[in-house]
C-alpha atoms as a PDB file:
ATOM      1  CA  MET A   1      22.019  28.908 181.517  1.00  0.00           C
ATOM      2  CA  ASN A   2      18.976  27.294 183.205  1.00  0.00           C
ATOM      3  CA  LEU A   3      17.821  24.638 180.886  1.00  0.00           C
ATOM      4  CA  GLU A   4      14.897  23.837 182.910  1.00  0.00           C
ATOM      5  CA  HIS A   5      13.709  27.577 182.960  1.00  0.00           C
ATOM      6  CA  LEU A   6      14.399  27.776 179.192  1.00  0.00           C
ATOM      7  CA  THR A   7      12.275  24.641 178.528  1.00  0.00           C
ATOM      8  CA  GLU A   8       9.495  26.191 180.671  1.00  0.00           C
ATOM      9  CA  ARG A   9       9.524  29.353 178.326  1.00  0.00           C
ATOM     10  CA  LEU A  10       9.509  27.154 175.287  1.00  0.00           C
ATOM     11  CA  HIS A  11       6.444  25.291 176.618  1.00  0.00           C
ATOM     12  CA  ARG A  12       4.754  28.532 177.168  1.00  0.00           C
ATOM     13  CA  ILE A  13       5.336  29.578 173.626  1.00  0.00           C
ATOM     14  CA  ARG A  14       4.175  26.179 172.313  1.00  0.00           C
ATOM     15  CA  ASP A  15       1.159  26.126 174.451  1.00  0.00           C
ATOM     16  CA  THR A  16       0.104  29.862 173.608  1.00  0.00           C
ATOM     17  CA  ASN A  17       0.329  28.918 169.938  1.00  0.00           C
ATOM     18  CA  ASP A  18      -1.287  25.298 170.199  1.00  0.00           C
ATOM     19  CA  TRP A  19       1.737  23.593 168.823  1.00  0.00           C
ATOM     20  CA  LYS A  20       2.024  20.743 171.152  1.00  0.00           C
ATOM     21  CA  PRO A  21       0.250  18.447 168.670  1.00  0.00           C
ATOM     22  CA  PHE A  22       2.897  18.864 166.142  1.00  0.00           C
ATOM     23  CA  HIS A  23       5.868  18.578 168.805  1.00  0.00           C
ATOM     24  CA  SER A  24       6.124  14.795 168.414  1.00  0.00           C
ATOM     25  CA  PRO A  25       9.654  13.442 169.013  1.00  0.00           C
ATOM     26  CA  LYS A  26       9.760  12.787 165.089  1.00  0.00           C
ATOM     27  CA  ASN A  27       8.877  16.226 164.159  1.00  0.00           C
ATOM     28  CA  LEU A  28      11.143  17.815 166.621  1.00  0.00           C
ATOM     29  CA  ALA A  29      14.113  15.814 165.374  1.00  0.00           C
ATOM     30  CA  MET A  30      13.330  16.639 161.823  1.00  0.00           C
ATOM     31  CA  ALA A  31      13.043  20.307 162.769  1.00  0.00           C
ATOM     32  CA  ALA A  32      16.445  20.153 164.541  1.00  0.00           C
ATOM     33  CA  SER A  33      17.822  18.600 161.342  1.00  0.00           C
ATOM     34  CA  VAL A  34      16.365  21.427 159.019  1.00  0.00           C
ATOM     35  CA  GLU A  35      17.940  23.986 161.272  1.00  0.00           C
ATOM     36  CA  MET A  36      21.133  22.278 161.195  1.00  0.00           C
ATOM     37  CA  ALA A  37      21.020  22.290 157.494  1.00  0.00           C
ATOM     38  CA  GLU A  38      20.586  25.984 157.669  1.00  0.00           C
ATOM     39  CA  LEU A  39      23.657  26.397 159.672  1.00  0.00           C
ATOM     40  CA  VAL A  40      25.595  24.306 157.326  1.00  0.00           C
ATOM     41  CA  GLU A  41      24.477  26.415 154.441  1.00  0.00           C
ATOM     42  CA  ILE A  42      26.083  29.449 155.905  1.00  0.00           C
ATOM     43  CA  PHE A  43      29.335  27.516 155.627  1.00  0.00           C
ATOM     44  CA  GLN A  44      28.782  25.738 152.329  1.00  0.00           C
ATOM     45  CA  TRP A  45      31.095  27.558 149.888  1.00  0.00           C
ATOM     46  CA  LEU A  46      33.633  28.889 152.455  1.00  0.00           C
ATOM     47  CA  THR A  47      37.150  28.182 152.748  1.00  0.00           C
ATOM     48  CA  GLU A  48      38.381  26.804 156.284  1.00  0.00           C
ATOM     49  CA  ASP A  49      39.863  30.360 156.857  1.00  0.00           C
ATOM     50  CA  GLN A  50      36.739  31.936 155.758  1.00  0.00           C
ATOM     51  CA  SER A  51      34.650  29.991 158.028  1.00  0.00           C
ATOM     52  CA  ARG A  52      36.754  31.034 161.039  1.00  0.00           C
ATOM     53  CA  GLN A  53      36.330  34.677 160.113  1.00  0.00           C
ATOM     54  CA  LEU A  54      32.721  35.386 159.504  1.00  0.00           C
ATOM     55  CA  PRO A  55      31.551  38.782 158.914  1.00  0.00           C
ATOM     56  CA  ALA A  56      29.331  40.261 161.875  1.00  0.00           C
ATOM     57  CA  ASP A  57      26.130  39.766 160.116  1.00  0.00           C
ATOM     58  CA  THR A  58      26.865  36.176 159.091  1.00  0.00           C
ATOM     59  CA  LEU A  59      28.149  35.368 162.639  1.00  0.00           C
ATOM     60  CA  ALA A  60      24.815  36.658 163.922  1.00  0.00           C
ATOM     61  CA  HIS A  61      22.891  34.563 161.537  1.00  0.00           C
ATOM     62  CA  ALA A  62      24.870  31.518 162.548  1.00  0.00           C
ATOM     63  CA  GLY A  63      24.129  32.088 166.070  1.00  0.00           C
ATOM     64  CA  GLN A  64      20.483  32.429 165.315  1.00  0.00           C
ATOM     65  CA  GLU A  65      20.716  28.902 163.597  1.00  0.00           C
ATOM     66  CA  VAL A  66      22.544  27.537 166.599  1.00  0.00           C
ATOM     67  CA  GLY A  67      19.903  28.914 169.023  1.00  0.00           C
ATOM     68  CA  ASP A  68      17.196  27.210 166.738  1.00  0.00           C
ATOM     69  CA  ILE A  69      18.931  23.983 167.061  1.00  0.00           C
ATOM     70  CA  VAL A  70      19.367  23.991 170.814  1.00  0.00           C
ATOM     71  CA  LEU A  71      15.768  24.983 171.445  1.00  0.00           C
ATOM     72  CA  TYR A  72      14.481  22.210 169.419  1.00  0.00           C
ATOM     73  CA  LEU A  73      16.685  19.828 171.065  1.00  0.00           C
ATOM     74  CA  LEU A  74      15.371  20.999 174.363  1.00  0.00           C
ATOM     75  CA  LEU A  75      11.992  20.370 173.273  1.00  0.00           C
ATOM     76  CA  LEU A  76      12.997  16.926 171.884  1.00  0.00           C
ATOM     77  CA  CYS A  77      14.390  16.000 175.382  1.00  0.00           C
ATOM     78  CA  SER A  78      11.300  17.149 176.979  1.00  0.00           C
ATOM     79  CA  GLU A  79       9.024  15.063 174.757  1.00  0.00           C
ATOM     80  CA  LEU A  80      11.315  12.010 175.449  1.00  0.00           C
ATOM     81  CA  GLY A  81      11.606  12.712 179.213  1.00  0.00           C
ATOM     82  CA  LEU A  82      15.301  13.111 178.838  1.00  0.00           C
ATOM     83  CA  ASP A  83      17.205  15.530 181.096  1.00  0.00           C
ATOM     84  CA  MET A  84      19.462  17.706 178.743  1.00  0.00           C
ATOM     85  CA  ASN A  85      22.059  18.165 181.394  1.00  0.00           C
ATOM     86  CA  GLU A  86      22.485  14.522 182.322  1.00  0.00           C
ATOM     87  CA  VAL A  87      22.487  13.597 178.621  1.00  0.00           C
ATOM     88  CA  VAL A  88      25.228  15.922 177.786  1.00  0.00           C
ATOM     89  CA  ARG A  89      27.252  15.253 181.012  1.00  0.00           C
ATOM     90  CA  ALA A  90      27.085  11.369 180.269  1.00  0.00           C
ATOM     91  CA  LYS A  91      28.080  11.809 176.576  1.00  0.00           C
ATOM     92  CA  LEU A  92      31.016  13.992 177.573  1.00  0.00           C
ATOM     93  CA  ALA A  93      32.177  11.587 180.207  1.00  0.00           C
ATOM     94  CA  ASP A  94      31.940   8.852 177.498  1.00  0.00           C
ATOM     95  CA  SER A  95      34.082  10.763 175.195  1.00  0.00           C
ATOM     96  CA  GLU A  96      36.604  11.573 177.927  1.00  0.00           C
ATOM     97  CA  ARG A  97      36.868   7.926 178.800  1.00  0.00           C
ATOM     98  CA  ARG A  98      37.242   6.936 175.149  1.00  0.00           C
ATOM     99  CA  PHE A  99      39.424   9.851 173.670  1.00  0.00           C
ATOM    100  CA  ALA A 100      41.110  11.737 176.534  1.00  0.00           C
ATOM    101  CA  PRO A 101      44.751  10.674 177.278  1.00  0.00           C
END
């Protein structure tokens, strides 16, 4: 997955629809949060076992919400001047340092 290419595609959609004025870091963070809430809603009343065995249509819905979240986070990184690859690598290295044996 080429995140730079995905971000360019997102920017084309944004620019075609004149959404740039609405894509402030604050708005993008809130939009990602709303999409996360929609993902959480899928699992809200399921048992642990049910959450691991989603029906195909529910799994597809969960995938759509995950996609929305990732795309908003890519746009947020772009607006903040952050490199998503570097941010994720740095956080993973920090987690490995702190939590790996």
